[in-house]
Amino acid sequence: MITCCCLKAHGVIEYRGRHYGWKNKWLKSLDVSISSLSSSWSLMVDALATRPGLRRICLDNCYGLHLGLLASCPGLECISIGYSGDMEGVAVLAESVSSLQTICLFGEMVGERLVHALAKSNVKTLTLRSCAFCDKAVVGQLVWLVQELTVSGCNLGNEGAKFVAEALAKNAALEYLDVSGNNIGHVGCVAFANAIKTNPTLKVLNLSSNRGMEDKGVITIVEAVVTNCSLKSLKLQSCGVIDAGFSAVANMLEFNTALSDLDVSRNRFVASRSAALARALSINKTLQTLSLGTDWQKSDVFVTELMRVNGTITRLILGGRKMKQLIHRNKQMHSAARGAVMCFVLCCRRRNVLNKDLVVPIAKMIWMTRSDFAWDKQFEN
């Protein structure tokens, strides 16, 4: 029985769509990533309208299609639309389909029409990637309308960050906020820091890939996180942290009692700061997931000390080329990694060769803690 249909090949969309995909009564998910759908669009909509089991529709490169026709499809819970140019149709869907809870948009122009539609809808999760805004003030209004908001790669800058932060400071419903890759600098960080101090509900904040933050911006953010009691996950991947930022992160971990997930990977490692971070982790009793990235493999002393003094981290993410092969060559590590007490995710992100001196210390740590390790295949070269 077919429950998921993915159609991406040019030239076969009409035949397979009419006879296999859209007519299937068990179909729950439809992914159409194709631009030559116009001729059979109305036919597909007619077929989908009689399929109450369909829950998810993904349409990519669908410029020229009238998305509002999908309002006749009952039971839709998630739609993903890319480069359609039909924001009116998206708004009609949000207003008309009461079961719709997730909207993902890629490469669209977002304006007031979507804001008004979301205000009348049951949508809880909104994802905007590589989208543009008629007015950046719109992004601040979106904060009030959903529980989970992702605005990634939309070039908000400090101006857009201020609109988001001002709304976040007074909001008591938003739980997840991702503003990664938006060219946010120190000015935007100040606005977010003020919001973090007063917001009582935000659980996840992703500021990754905003390299303009640098040490100054990261320090501002983590100083605000120190006293925050609701934030559970903070992602600062690739934010231009070099030196003082790591000291501020260490200080935050000493006093914060809520954070359970921290990502500071893909920032420039400074060996002199590893001792301060290890000391902070010996005090912290809430952090469970720590992502350090490739550069931290240079400090086997830090990793060894971390495992000696910290008993709460259950997921440590490191990096390095050929890590997988080196782990399996070490029989002691392979035989010891069965206790499932700690999971080491050893990711391959860059081409620099792993420091072989690090393998033995990690093996000893796993042996002492009867830990487990995992290889994250999504990062394989």
Protein backbone atom coordinates (compact mmCIF):
# COMPACT_ATOMS: atom_id res chain seq x y z
CA MET A 1 0.00 0.00 0.00
CA ILE A 2 1.39 3.41 -1.00
CA THR A 3 1.15 6.04 1.73
CA CYS A 4 3.80 8.46 0.44
CA CYS A 5 4.32 9.63 -3.15
CA CYS A 6 7.31 11.66 -4.35
CA LEU A 7 7.24 12.79 -7.98
CA LYS A 8 10.31 14.63 -9.23
CA ALA A 9 11.01 13.31 -12.73
CA HIS A 10 10.14 15.49 -15.69
CA GLY A 11 7.98 13.94 -18.39
CA VAL A 12 6.23 11.34 -16.21
CA ILE A 13 4.27 13.59 -13.92
CA GLU A 14 0.89 13.37 -15.71
CA TYR A 15 0.87 9.62 -16.29
CA ARG A 16 2.04 8.56 -12.86
CA GLY A 17 0.05 11.27 -11.14
CA ARG A 18 -3.25 10.36 -12.74
CA HIS A 19 -2.95 6.61 -12.47
CA TYR A 20 -0.87 5.92 -9.39
CA GLY A 21 -0.21 8.82 -7.03
CA TRP A 22 -3.28 11.02 -6.75
CA LYS A 23 -5.84 8.20 -7.11
CA ASN A 24 -4.36 6.16 -4.26
CA LYS A 25 -6.88 6.02 -1.40
CA TRP A 26 -4.18 5.37 1.21
CA LEU A 27 -2.03 8.33 0.19
CA LYS A 28 -1.01 10.46 3.21
CA SER A 29 1.94 12.46 1.82
CA LEU A 30 2.50 13.94 -1.65
CA ASP A 31 5.78 15.56 -2.71
CA VAL A 32 5.75 17.16 -6.17
CA SER A 33 9.04 18.92 -6.92
CA ILE A 34 8.50 19.81 -10.55
CA SER A 35 7.75 22.84 -12.68
CA SER A 36 5.74 21.24 -15.53
CA LEU A 37 2.56 20.56 -13.58
CA SER A 38 0.26 23.25 -14.93
CA SER A 39 -1.49 21.08 -17.52
CA SER A 40 -2.67 18.54 -14.94
CA TRP A 41 -3.05 20.77 -11.89
CA SER A 42 -6.87 20.88 -11.84
CA LEU A 43 -7.01 17.12 -12.36
CA MET A 44 -4.74 16.54 -9.39
CA VAL A 45 -6.78 18.87 -7.17
CA ASP A 46 -9.99 17.05 -8.10
CA ALA A 47 -8.40 13.74 -7.17
CA LEU A 48 -6.99 15.04 -3.89
CA ALA A 49 -10.34 16.52 -2.87
CA THR A 50 -11.69 12.97 -2.54
CA ARG A 51 -8.77 11.78 -0.42
CA PRO A 52 -9.59 12.62 3.23
CA GLY A 53 -6.49 10.70 4.40
CA LEU A 54 -4.01 13.10 2.77
CA ARG A 55 -2.13 14.96 5.49
CA ARG A 56 0.90 16.57 3.81
CA ILE A 57 1.50 18.23 0.44
CA CYS A 58 4.88 19.52 -0.73
CA LEU A 59 4.98 21.58 -3.93
CA ASP A 60 8.29 22.98 -5.16
CA ASN A 61 8.88 25.19 -8.20
CA CYS A 62 5.13 25.48 -8.67
CA TYR A 63 4.95 28.96 -10.19
CA GLY A 64 1.67 29.68 -11.94
CA LEU A 65 -0.46 27.21 -9.99
CA HIS A 66 -3.60 28.35 -8.16
CA LEU A 67 -2.91 27.05 -4.66
CA GLY A 68 -6.27 28.21 -3.35
CA LEU A 69 -7.86 25.21 -5.10
CA LEU A 70 -6.30 22.97 -2.46
CA ALA A 71 -8.73 24.45 0.07
CA SER A 72 -11.14 21.72 -1.05
CA CYS A 73 -8.78 19.02 0.26
CA PRO A 74 -10.00 17.91 3.71
CA GLY A 75 -7.69 16.85 6.49
CA LEU A 76 -4.55 18.70 5.39
CA GLU A 77 -2.16 19.24 8.29
CA CYS A 78 1.04 20.41 6.58
CA ILE A 79 1.81 22.23 3.33
CA SER A 80 5.24 23.08 1.95
CA ILE A 81 5.27 25.59 -0.91
CA GLY A 82 8.29 26.74 -2.89
CA TYR A 83 8.55 29.57 -5.40
CA SER A 84 4.85 29.67 -6.23
CA GLY A 85 4.33 33.43 -6.39
CA ASP A 86 0.79 32.80 -5.13
CA MET A 87 0.68 34.14 -1.58
CA GLU A 88 -3.02 34.82 -1.99
CA GLY A 89 -3.55 31.09 -2.49
CA VAL A 90 -1.46 30.30 0.61
CA ALA A 91 -3.56 32.77 2.62
CA VAL A 92 -6.78 31.15 1.39
CA LEU A 93 -5.48 27.76 2.51
CA ALA A 94 -4.60 29.08 5.98
CA GLU A 95 -8.06 30.59 6.38
CA SER A 96 -10.10 27.77 4.87
CA VAL A 97 -8.46 24.52 6.03
CA SER A 98 -9.16 24.24 9.75
CA SER A 99 -6.94 21.17 10.16
CA LEU A 100 -3.85 22.96 8.78
CA GLN A 101 -1.19 23.35 11.48
CA THR A 102 2.12 23.69 9.62
CA ILE A 103 3.07 25.99 6.74
CA CYS A 104 6.53 25.98 5.14
CA LEU A 105 7.36 28.60 2.51
CA PHE A 106 10.48 28.87 0.36
CA GLY A 107 11.39 31.81 -1.85
CA GLU A 108 8.10 33.67 -1.40
CA MET A 109 7.23 37.34 -0.92
CA VAL A 110 5.56 37.65 2.50
CA GLY A 111 3.26 40.54 3.35
CA GLU A 112 0.26 41.65 5.39
CA ARG A 113 -2.08 39.22 3.58
CA LEU A 114 -0.43 36.24 5.24
CA VAL A 115 -0.55 37.95 8.64
CA HIS A 116 -4.31 38.49 8.38
CA ALA A 117 -4.84 34.88 7.25
CA LEU A 118 -2.78 33.40 10.08
CA ALA A 119 -4.77 35.45 12.60
CA LYS A 120 -7.88 33.52 11.51
CA SER A 121 -6.22 30.10 11.25
CA ASN A 122 -5.18 27.22 13.51
CA VAL A 123 -1.59 27.20 12.21
CA LYS A 124 0.94 26.60 14.99
CA THR A 125 4.19 26.21 13.02
CA LEU A 126 5.43 28.63 10.35
CA THR A 127 8.70 28.17 8.46
CA LEU A 128 10.05 30.84 6.08
CA ARG A 129 13.30 30.13 4.24
CA SER A 130 14.92 32.45 1.69
CA CYS A 131 11.79 34.59 1.70
CA ALA A 132 11.51 38.34 1.25
CA PHE A 133 9.24 40.76 3.13
CA CYS A 134 7.22 43.63 1.72
CA ASP A 135 7.92 45.32 5.06
CA LYS A 136 10.25 43.90 7.72
CA ALA A 137 7.74 44.94 10.38
CA VAL A 138 5.66 41.99 9.18
CA VAL A 139 8.07 39.50 10.74
CA GLY A 140 7.42 41.03 14.14
CA GLN A 141 3.68 40.48 13.71
CA LEU A 142 4.24 36.81 12.90
CA VAL A 143 5.68 36.23 16.38
CA TRP A 144 2.20 36.72 17.85
CA LEU A 145 0.46 34.24 15.56
CA VAL A 146 2.28 30.90 15.97
CA GLN A 147 3.99 28.74 18.58
CA GLU A 148 7.00 27.83 16.43
CA LEU A 149 8.56 30.32 14.02
CA THR A 150 11.49 29.81 11.66
CA VAL A 151 12.76 32.75 9.60
CA SER A 152 16.00 31.49 8.09
CA GLY A 153 18.12 33.03 5.34
CA CYS A 154 15.71 35.92 4.89
CA ASN A 155 18.26 38.74 5.32
CA LEU A 156 16.47 40.35 8.26
CA GLY A 157 19.57 42.21 9.43
CA ASN A 158 19.53 44.21 12.64
CA GLU A 159 16.38 46.04 11.58
CA GLY A 160 14.33 42.88 11.22
CA ALA A 161 15.87 41.43 14.38
CA LYS A 162 14.59 44.44 16.35
CA PHE A 163 11.02 43.84 15.16
CA VAL A 164 11.21 40.19 16.17
CA ALA A 165 12.80 40.95 19.55
CA GLU A 166 10.31 43.68 20.43
CA ALA A 167 7.44 41.28 19.87
CA LEU A 168 9.24 38.46 21.66
CA ALA A 169 9.75 40.57 24.77
CA LYS A 170 5.97 40.85 25.30
CA ASN A 171 4.95 37.48 23.87
CA ALA A 172 3.85 34.61 26.11
CA ALA A 173 3.08 31.92 23.54
CA LEU A 174 6.09 31.44 21.23
CA GLU A 175 8.17 28.40 22.20
CA TYR A 176 10.54 27.96 19.23
CA LEU A 177 12.38 30.70 17.33
CA ASP A 178 14.93 30.17 14.54
CA VAL A 179 16.48 33.30 13.01
CA SER A 180 19.61 31.65 11.62
CA GLY A 181 21.47 33.06 8.62
CA ASN A 182 19.98 36.56 8.73
CA ASN A 183 23.06 38.81 8.93
CA ILE A 184 22.28 39.77 12.52
CA GLY A 185 25.00 41.75 14.29
CA HIS A 186 25.61 43.14 17.76
CA VAL A 187 22.73 45.64 17.56
CA GLY A 188 20.29 42.82 16.89
CA CYS A 189 21.82 40.77 19.71
CA VAL A 190 21.16 43.59 22.17
CA ALA A 191 17.49 43.56 21.17
CA PHE A 192 17.27 39.78 21.58
CA ALA A 193 19.04 39.91 24.93
CA ASN A 194 16.46 42.35 26.28
CA ALA A 195 13.69 40.06 25.04
CA ILE A 196 15.25 36.95 26.60
CA LYS A 197 15.32 38.64 30.00
CA THR A 198 11.55 39.15 30.01
CA ASN A 199 10.13 36.32 27.88
CA PRO A 200 8.73 33.48 30.03
CA THR A 201 7.91 30.83 27.40
CA LEU A 202 10.65 30.57 24.75
CA LYS A 203 12.31 27.13 24.88
CA VAL A 204 14.49 27.06 21.75
CA LEU A 205 16.51 29.94 20.25
CA ASN A 206 18.61 29.41 17.12
CA LEU A 207 20.97 32.25 16.17
CA SER A 208 23.34 30.12 14.08
CA SER A 209 25.13 31.38 10.95
CA ASN A 210 24.99 35.03 11.97
CA ARG A 211 28.73 35.60 11.78
CA GLY A 212 28.33 39.32 12.38
CA MET A 213 27.52 38.59 16.02
CA GLU A 214 31.15 37.77 16.86
CA ASP A 215 32.33 37.74 20.48
CA LYS A 216 30.57 40.97 21.37
CA GLY A 217 27.15 39.80 20.25
CA VAL A 218 27.48 36.32 21.75
CA ILE A 219 28.52 37.81 25.12
CA THR A 220 25.39 39.96 25.10
CA ILE A 221 23.17 36.94 24.41
CA VAL A 222 24.65 34.54 26.96
CA GLU A 223 24.66 37.18 29.70
CA ALA A 224 20.89 37.41 29.23
CA VAL A 225 20.53 33.62 29.22
CA VAL A 226 22.20 33.35 32.66
CA THR A 227 19.01 34.28 34.51
CA ASN A 228 16.50 32.87 32.01
CA CYS A 229 14.54 29.91 33.40
CA SER A 230 12.58 28.82 30.31
CA LEU A 231 15.19 28.47 27.55
CA LYS A 232 16.17 24.81 27.03
CA SER A 233 18.16 24.97 23.78
CA LEU A 234 20.58 27.63 22.52
CA LYS A 235 22.27 27.29 19.13
CA LEU A 236 25.23 29.56 18.36
CA GLN A 237 26.80 27.62 15.52
CA SER A 238 29.03 29.62 13.20
CA CYS A 239 28.55 32.97 14.93
CA GLY A 240 32.14 34.21 14.68
CA VAL A 241 33.06 33.38 18.29
CA ILE A 242 36.82 33.51 18.79
CA ASP A 243 37.99 34.23 22.33
CA ALA A 244 36.01 36.20 24.90
CA GLY A 245 32.77 34.64 23.70
CA PHE A 246 33.83 31.22 25.01
CA SER A 247 34.59 32.73 28.41
CA ALA A 248 31.10 34.22 28.51
CA VAL A 249 29.59 30.85 27.55
CA ALA A 250 31.53 29.18 30.36
CA ASN A 251 30.33 31.78 32.86
CA MET A 252 26.74 31.28 31.70
CA LEU A 253 26.95 27.51 32.21
CA GLU A 254 28.13 27.99 35.79
CA PHE A 255 24.98 29.86 36.80
CA ASN A 256 22.23 28.82 34.37
CA THR A 257 19.96 26.06 35.70
CA ALA A 258 17.65 25.49 32.73
CA LEU A 259 19.67 25.00 29.53
CA SER A 260 19.90 21.37 28.37
CA ASP A 261 21.17 21.77 24.77
CA LEU A 262 24.07 24.01 23.67
CA ASP A 263 25.64 24.25 20.21
CA VAL A 264 28.82 26.32 19.81
CA SER A 265 30.25 24.37 16.89
CA ARG A 266 31.92 25.86 13.82
CA ASN A 267 33.45 28.70 15.83
CA ARG A 268 37.18 29.28 16.10
CA PHE A 269 38.56 27.26 19.00
CA VAL A 270 40.90 28.93 21.49
CA ALA A 271 42.75 26.37 23.60
CA SER A 272 43.24 28.78 26.49
CA ARG A 273 39.47 28.86 27.08
CA SER A 274 39.00 25.09 27.35
CA ALA A 275 39.93 24.99 31.03
CA ALA A 276 37.27 27.58 31.91
CA LEU A 277 34.62 25.66 29.98
CA ALA A 278 35.58 22.36 31.61
CA ARG A 279 35.39 24.02 35.03
CA ALA A 280 31.94 25.41 34.25
CA LEU A 281 30.71 21.99 33.14
CA SER A 282 31.90 20.50 36.41
CA ILE A 283 29.42 22.83 38.14
CA ASN A 284 26.56 22.65 35.65
CA LYS A 285 24.05 19.87 36.34
CA THR A 286 21.44 20.42 33.62
CA LEU A 287 23.26 20.39 30.25
CA GLN A 288 22.63 17.12 28.38
CA THR A 289 23.69 17.84 24.79
CA LEU A 290 26.89 19.71 23.90
CA SER A 291 28.04 20.31 20.32
CA LEU A 292 31.63 21.53 20.04
CA GLY A 293 32.47 20.83 16.41
CA THR A 294 35.71 19.96 14.68
CA ASP A 295 38.17 22.39 16.26
CA TRP A 296 37.74 20.99 19.75
CA GLN A 297 39.42 17.74 18.71
CA LYS A 298 42.70 19.65 19.19
CA SER A 299 42.17 19.66 22.94
CA ASP A 300 42.19 16.07 24.14
CA VAL A 301 42.92 17.42 27.63
CA PHE A 302 39.62 19.33 27.62
CA VAL A 303 37.57 16.33 26.47
CA THR A 304 39.22 14.08 29.04
CA GLU A 305 38.62 16.58 31.83
CA LEU A 306 35.03 17.10 30.70
CA MET A 307 34.23 13.43 31.05
CA ARG A 308 35.95 13.21 34.39
CA VAL A 309 34.06 16.05 36.07
CA ASN A 310 30.65 16.06 34.32
CA GLY A 311 28.05 13.37 34.86
CA THR A 312 25.00 14.84 33.14
CA ILE A 313 25.98 15.26 29.47
CA THR A 314 24.49 12.38 27.50
CA ARG A 315 25.33 13.55 23.98
CA LEU A 316 28.71 15.01 23.03
CA ILE A 317 29.14 16.05 19.38
CA LEU A 318 32.69 16.36 18.10
CA GLY A 319 34.14 16.22 14.59
CA GLY A 320 37.02 15.17 12.44
CA ARG A 321 37.88 13.42 9.21
CA LYS A 322 38.52 9.66 9.36
CA MET A 323 37.10 9.55 12.87
CA LYS A 324 34.91 6.58 11.98
CA GLN A 325 37.80 4.47 10.73
CA LEU A 326 39.99 5.35 13.70
CA ILE A 327 37.28 4.43 16.17
CA HIS A 328 36.71 1.01 14.68
CA ARG A 329 40.43 0.29 14.61
CA ASN A 330 40.51 0.72 18.34
CA LYS A 331 39.24 -2.60 19.72
CA GLN A 332 39.14 -1.34 23.26
CA MET A 333 36.73 1.44 22.32
CA HIS A 334 34.65 -0.84 20.13
CA SER A 335 34.16 -3.41 22.87
CA ALA A 336 33.62 -0.85 25.60
CA ALA A 337 31.01 1.19 23.75
CA ARG A 338 28.05 -0.93 24.76
CA GLY A 339 26.95 0.64 28.02
CA ALA A 340 24.74 3.28 26.37
CA VAL A 341 25.51 5.75 29.16
CA MET A 342 26.93 8.44 26.92
CA CYS A 343 26.61 8.89 23.18
CA PHE A 344 29.53 10.42 21.26
CA VAL A 345 28.40 11.68 17.85
CA LEU A 346 31.58 11.98 15.84
CA CYS A 347 30.73 14.02 12.78
CA CYS A 348 32.77 14.53 9.62
CA ARG A 349 32.41 18.13 8.45
CA ARG A 350 35.80 19.24 7.21
CA ARG A 351 38.80 17.75 5.49
CA ASN A 352 41.36 18.28 8.19
CA VAL A 353 42.82 15.06 9.58
CA LEU A 354 41.87 13.98 13.09
CA ASN A 355 44.52 14.34 15.75
CA LYS A 356 45.31 10.67 16.43
CA ASP A 357 46.35 11.54 19.98
CA LEU A 358 42.68 12.16 20.73
CA VAL A 359 41.54 8.60 20.01
CA VAL A 360 43.18 7.02 23.07
CA PRO A 361 41.80 9.58 25.58
CA ILE A 362 38.29 9.14 24.16
CA ALA A 363 38.69 5.37 24.35
CA LYS A 364 39.68 5.65 28.00
CA MET A 365 36.71 7.90 28.74
CA ILE A 366 34.28 5.51 27.11
CA TRP A 367 35.86 2.65 29.02
CA MET A 368 35.57 4.46 32.36
CA THR A 369 31.96 5.51 31.83
CA ARG A 370 30.84 2.42 29.87
CA SER A 371 29.69 4.87 27.23
CA ASP A 372 28.26 4.36 23.80
CA PHE A 373 29.21 6.17 20.60
CA ALA A 374 27.46 6.87 17.33
CA TRP A 375 28.47 7.94 13.86
CA ASP A 376 26.26 10.53 12.27
CA LYS A 377 26.07 9.48 8.61
CA GLN A 378 24.57 12.75 7.40
CA PHE A 379 28.00 14.37 7.74
CA GLU A 380 29.97 11.73 5.82
CA ASN A 381 31.97 13.04 2.88
